[in-house]
Amino acid sequence: MEKLEGKVAIVTGAGRGLGRGFALAIAKEGGKVVVNSVDPQKKSAERVAAEIKSLGGEAVPVVARVGSKETAELLVNTAVEKFGRLDVLVNNAGITRDAMIGALSEEMWDEVIYVHLRGAFMNTQAAVKYWLQNNVRGSIVNITSGVGIHGNIGQSNYAAAKSGLIGLTLANAKELARKGIRVNAVAPMAKTEMFDNVREDLRQSMFDAIARKNVMQRVGEPSDVAPMVVFLASDDAHFITGQIICATGDPGELPWD
């Protein structure tokens, strides 16, 4: 039996990179997927949904920017209307607007916090309301980052957002455990299109430096991280909540390790 057979998942930021990898992996394990992305011109949500269908899975695209109550309710309602239920929420949508603190504008700060942290909050609230009303033992997987644990130069907004996601995960896990709703987070390190704004030669040098410091001597791919998201979404992880799991190929990512 497939790990997610009969389950329905929302994956935000699923038009490319890690989100696409998560959506494909969930579908491969029998889950039906609401594929969310924000770029209507590139039609990335439609492409990933079509890719899932071509592999024999079931998916529906939703093109919307996370962060609003309207988008959160649209995602949940789409899952229920198209597939009859909702079981899993993967809060993956994210952006970067990098600058040193002295040059970081209010707009750059607000935009990153809005997508990462407010987006996860609004989506979580909408999903939890549905689960409590329908007695569903749901699972939330928040995608955070090592930057939210250790910080990074030029990423004050991103670090704050990802650290906030860790706090949201821990608080929600404690609030919802008695209702059978699990909340965990994964902090990945993988090559994705989020690095495309870095000049190509610098990007490769960065990946080489990361690989040299990594005990596995390489940088991960989305396919290295997706199995952990599938596991946390599945009933195999029924006794796991409030965990921040680093899928980086390297030990000692958490400051309390």
Protein backbone atom coordinates (compact mmCIF):
# COMPACT_ATOMS: atom_id res chain seq x y z
CA MET A 1 0.00 0.00 0.00
CA GLU A 2 1.26 3.48 -0.86
CA LYS A 3 2.12 5.68 2.14
CA LEU A 4 -0.37 8.44 1.28
CA GLU A 5 -3.14 6.48 -0.40
CA GLY A 6 -6.49 8.18 0.19
CA LYS A 7 -4.92 11.39 1.49
CA VAL A 8 -5.20 14.88 0.04
CA ALA A 9 -2.38 17.41 0.36
CA ILE A 10 -1.89 21.11 -0.29
CA VAL A 11 1.66 22.03 -1.30
CA THR A 12 2.38 25.75 -1.55
CA GLY A 13 5.17 27.07 -3.73
CA ALA A 14 4.92 23.85 -5.73
CA GLY A 15 5.61 25.24 -9.18
CA ARG A 16 9.33 24.49 -9.07
CA GLY A 17 12.25 23.38 -6.91
CA LEU A 18 11.55 21.80 -3.56
CA GLY A 19 7.80 22.35 -3.76
CA ARG A 20 7.58 20.56 -7.10
CA GLY A 21 9.64 17.72 -5.64
CA PHE A 22 7.31 17.46 -2.65
CA ALA A 23 4.19 17.47 -4.84
CA LEU A 24 5.56 14.75 -7.12
CA ALA A 25 6.68 12.61 -4.19
CA ILE A 26 3.30 12.91 -2.47
CA ALA A 27 1.52 11.93 -5.69
CA LYS A 28 3.90 9.00 -6.21
CA GLU A 29 2.83 7.68 -2.80
CA GLY A 30 -0.85 7.87 -3.72
CA GLY A 31 -1.73 11.33 -2.42
CA LYS A 32 -3.93 13.77 -4.33
CA VAL A 33 -2.33 17.20 -4.56
CA VAL A 34 -3.46 20.81 -4.67
CA VAL A 35 -0.51 22.40 -6.47
CA ASN A 36 -0.09 26.05 -5.52
CA SER A 37 2.13 28.59 -7.24
CA VAL A 38 1.96 32.34 -7.80
CA ASP A 39 3.36 32.88 -11.32
CA PRO A 40 0.46 32.83 -13.84
CA GLN A 41 2.69 33.79 -16.79
CA LYS A 42 4.93 30.73 -16.44
CA LYS A 43 1.95 28.48 -15.65
CA SER A 44 4.15 26.48 -13.28
CA ALA A 45 1.27 25.22 -11.13
CA GLU A 46 -0.52 23.98 -14.24
CA ARG A 47 2.65 22.28 -15.51
CA VAL A 48 3.31 20.43 -12.26
CA ALA A 49 -0.34 19.36 -11.98
CA ALA A 50 -0.18 18.09 -15.57
CA GLU A 51 3.07 16.28 -14.79
CA ILE A 52 1.43 14.51 -11.85
CA LYS A 53 -1.54 13.51 -14.01
CA SER A 54 0.78 12.19 -16.73
CA LEU A 55 2.30 9.87 -14.12
CA GLY A 56 -1.13 8.54 -13.16
CA GLY A 57 -1.75 10.79 -10.17
CA GLU A 58 -4.45 13.31 -9.33
CA ALA A 59 -3.76 17.03 -8.95
CA VAL A 60 -5.36 20.43 -9.36
CA PRO A 61 -3.50 23.76 -9.77
CA VAL A 62 -4.26 26.87 -7.75
CA VAL A 63 -2.54 30.07 -8.87
CA ALA A 64 -2.56 32.46 -5.91
CA ARG A 65 -0.17 34.31 -3.62
CA VAL A 66 -0.13 32.93 -0.09
CA GLY A 67 -0.55 35.25 2.87
CA SER A 68 -4.18 36.24 2.68
CA LYS A 69 -7.22 34.68 4.32
CA GLU A 70 -8.81 34.47 0.88
CA THR A 71 -5.96 32.39 -0.56
CA ALA A 72 -5.86 30.11 2.48
CA GLU A 73 -9.58 29.44 2.25
CA LEU A 74 -9.32 28.96 -1.52
CA LEU A 75 -6.66 26.27 -1.05
CA VAL A 76 -8.65 24.39 1.59
CA ASN A 77 -11.93 24.72 -0.30
CA THR A 78 -10.30 23.51 -3.52
CA ALA A 79 -9.00 20.39 -1.79
CA VAL A 80 -12.42 19.61 -0.32
CA GLU A 81 -14.41 20.43 -3.45
CA LYS A 82 -12.12 18.57 -5.87
CA PHE A 83 -11.05 15.62 -3.73
CA GLY A 84 -13.53 15.47 -0.85
CA ARG A 85 -11.18 16.15 2.04
CA LEU A 86 -7.86 17.59 3.26
CA ASP A 87 -5.25 15.67 5.24
CA VAL A 88 -1.87 17.33 4.71
CA LEU A 89 -0.59 20.91 4.46
CA VAL A 90 2.96 21.58 3.29
CA ASN A 91 3.86 25.25 3.85
CA ASN A 92 6.71 25.58 1.38
CA ALA A 93 6.11 28.88 -0.46
CA GLY A 94 9.00 31.26 -0.10
CA ILE A 95 10.96 34.11 -1.66
CA THR A 96 14.22 35.93 -1.02
CA ARG A 97 14.89 39.66 -1.08
CA ASP A 98 18.51 39.81 0.08
CA ALA A 99 20.32 42.92 1.31
CA MET A 100 22.59 43.95 4.16
CA ILE A 101 20.63 45.32 7.12
CA GLY A 102 21.49 48.95 6.35
CA ALA A 103 20.11 48.62 2.82
CA LEU A 104 17.14 46.38 3.61
CA SER A 105 13.98 48.31 2.79
CA GLU A 106 10.70 47.99 4.64
CA GLU A 107 9.16 46.59 1.48
CA MET A 108 11.82 43.86 1.21
CA TRP A 109 11.30 42.97 4.87
CA ASP A 110 7.51 42.93 4.64
CA GLU A 111 7.37 40.89 1.43
CA VAL A 112 9.52 38.05 2.78
CA ILE A 113 7.72 37.93 6.13
CA TYR A 114 4.36 38.03 4.35
CA VAL A 115 5.01 35.03 2.11
CA HIS A 116 6.94 32.79 4.51
CA LEU A 117 5.44 33.50 7.91
CA ARG A 118 2.05 35.10 7.36
CA GLY A 119 1.44 32.64 4.53
CA ALA A 120 2.10 29.66 6.78
CA PHE A 121 -0.02 31.17 9.57
CA MET A 122 -3.04 31.84 7.36
CA ASN A 123 -2.86 28.45 5.64
CA THR A 124 -2.46 26.65 8.96
CA GLN A 125 -5.42 28.46 10.48
CA ALA A 126 -7.68 27.59 7.55
CA ALA A 127 -6.60 23.94 7.50
CA VAL A 128 -6.95 23.55 11.27
CA LYS A 129 -10.46 25.02 11.24
CA TYR A 130 -11.47 22.43 8.64
CA TRP A 131 -9.83 19.58 10.56
CA LEU A 132 -11.41 20.51 13.89
CA GLN A 133 -14.85 20.85 12.31
CA ASN A 134 -14.53 17.47 10.57
CA ASN A 135 -12.55 15.52 13.18
CA VAL A 136 -9.59 14.96 10.84
CA ARG A 137 -6.17 14.05 12.26
CA GLY A 138 -4.18 16.22 9.90
CA SER A 139 -0.47 16.78 9.39
CA ILE A 140 1.36 20.06 8.75
CA VAL A 141 4.91 20.18 7.41
CA ASN A 142 6.52 23.62 7.50
CA ILE A 143 9.61 24.14 5.37
CA THR A 144 12.13 26.20 7.31
CA SER A 145 15.87 26.62 6.78
CA GLY A 146 19.24 26.45 8.48
CA VAL A 147 19.30 30.22 7.95
CA GLY A 148 16.50 30.43 10.51
CA ILE A 149 18.71 28.54 12.96
CA HIS A 150 22.14 30.07 12.37
CA GLY A 151 21.42 33.26 10.42
CA ASN A 152 23.19 34.35 7.25
CA ILE A 153 24.82 37.53 6.02
CA GLY A 154 22.48 39.65 3.94
CA GLN A 155 19.37 37.67 4.88
CA SER A 156 17.94 39.30 8.00
CA ASN A 157 14.39 39.12 6.63
CA TYR A 158 14.71 35.52 5.45
CA ALA A 159 16.34 34.43 8.72
CA ALA A 160 13.60 36.08 10.78
CA ALA A 161 10.88 34.48 8.66
CA LYS A 162 12.38 31.00 8.82
CA SER A 163 13.09 31.30 12.55
CA GLY A 164 9.50 32.41 12.99
CA LEU A 165 8.35 29.27 11.19
CA ILE A 166 10.23 27.19 13.76
CA GLY A 167 8.45 28.99 16.59
CA LEU A 168 5.10 28.59 14.83
CA THR A 169 5.77 24.88 14.40
CA LEU A 170 6.62 24.32 18.06
CA ALA A 171 3.68 26.35 19.38
CA ASN A 172 1.16 24.77 17.02
CA ALA A 173 2.42 21.27 17.77
CA LYS A 174 1.72 21.81 21.48
CA GLU A 175 -1.67 23.40 20.83
CA LEU A 176 -2.94 20.73 18.45
CA ALA A 177 -1.46 17.45 19.70
CA ARG A 178 -4.50 16.50 21.77
CA LYS A 179 -6.66 16.91 18.68
CA GLY A 180 -4.50 14.43 16.79
CA ILE A 181 -3.05 17.11 14.50
CA ARG A 182 0.71 16.91 14.03
CA VAL A 183 2.99 19.83 13.14
CA ASN A 184 6.62 19.38 12.15
CA ALA A 185 9.23 21.31 10.19
CA VAL A 186 11.97 20.34 7.77
CA ALA A 187 15.08 22.47 7.24
CA PRO A 188 16.55 21.43 3.87
CA MET A 189 19.63 22.32 1.90
CA ALA A 190 19.14 21.59 -1.78
CA LYS A 191 19.84 23.03 -5.21
CA THR A 192 16.74 24.84 -6.39
CA GLU A 193 15.75 27.73 -8.64
CA MET A 194 15.84 30.01 -5.59
CA PHE A 195 19.58 30.29 -6.29
CA ASP A 196 19.02 31.41 -9.89
CA ASN A 197 19.40 35.08 -8.95
CA VAL A 198 23.03 34.35 -8.02
CA ARG A 199 25.50 34.77 -10.89
CA GLU A 200 26.25 31.36 -12.43
CA ASP A 201 29.98 31.24 -11.62
CA LEU A 202 29.36 32.44 -8.06
CA ARG A 203 26.50 29.98 -7.67
CA GLN A 204 28.72 27.03 -8.57
CA SER A 205 31.47 28.30 -6.25
CA MET A 206 28.89 28.54 -3.46
CA PHE A 207 27.68 24.98 -4.06
CA ASP A 208 31.29 23.75 -4.13
CA ALA A 209 32.01 25.46 -0.80
CA ILE A 210 28.88 23.97 0.78
CA ALA A 211 29.82 20.51 -0.51
CA ARG A 212 33.34 20.77 0.90
CA LYS A 213 31.97 21.55 4.37
CA ASN A 214 29.27 18.86 4.19
CA VAL A 215 30.21 15.46 5.61
CA MET A 216 28.55 13.82 2.58
CA GLN A 217 30.61 16.10 0.33
CA ARG A 218 27.69 17.22 -1.83
CA VAL A 219 24.70 19.55 -1.94
CA GLY A 220 21.30 17.90 -1.84
CA GLU A 221 18.63 17.76 -4.52
CA PRO A 222 14.86 18.11 -3.96
CA SER A 223 14.63 14.32 -4.29
CA ASP A 224 16.86 14.00 -1.21
CA VAL A 225 14.45 16.02 0.93
CA ALA A 226 11.06 14.88 -0.39
CA PRO A 227 11.05 11.46 1.34
CA MET A 228 11.18 13.17 4.75
CA VAL A 229 8.18 15.35 3.86
CA VAL A 230 6.28 12.26 2.68
CA PHE A 231 7.14 10.43 5.90
CA LEU A 232 5.98 13.28 8.14
CA ALA A 233 2.77 13.59 6.11
CA SER A 234 2.04 9.88 6.41
CA ASP A 235 0.52 7.82 9.20
CA ASP A 236 3.95 6.23 9.71
CA ALA A 237 4.81 9.44 11.61
CA HIS A 238 1.68 9.29 13.79
CA PHE A 239 3.72 9.65 17.02
CA ILE A 240 5.97 12.46 15.79
CA THR A 241 5.14 16.14 16.32
CA GLY A 242 6.94 19.36 17.18
CA GLN A 243 10.17 18.23 15.51
CA ILE A 244 12.57 20.37 13.47
CA ILE A 245 14.36 17.96 11.15
CA CYS A 246 17.42 19.04 9.19
CA ALA A 247 17.59 17.35 5.78
CA THR A 248 20.98 18.72 4.82
CA GLY A 249 23.21 15.66 4.64
CA ASP A 250 25.16 17.05 7.58
CA PRO A 251 24.92 16.55 11.36
CA GLY A 252 24.82 19.26 13.99
CA GLU A 253 22.61 21.80 12.21
CA LEU A 254 20.47 22.54 15.25
CA PRO A 255 22.05 24.86 17.85
CA TRP A 256 20.96 22.60 20.70
CA ASP A 257 22.53 19.45 19.16
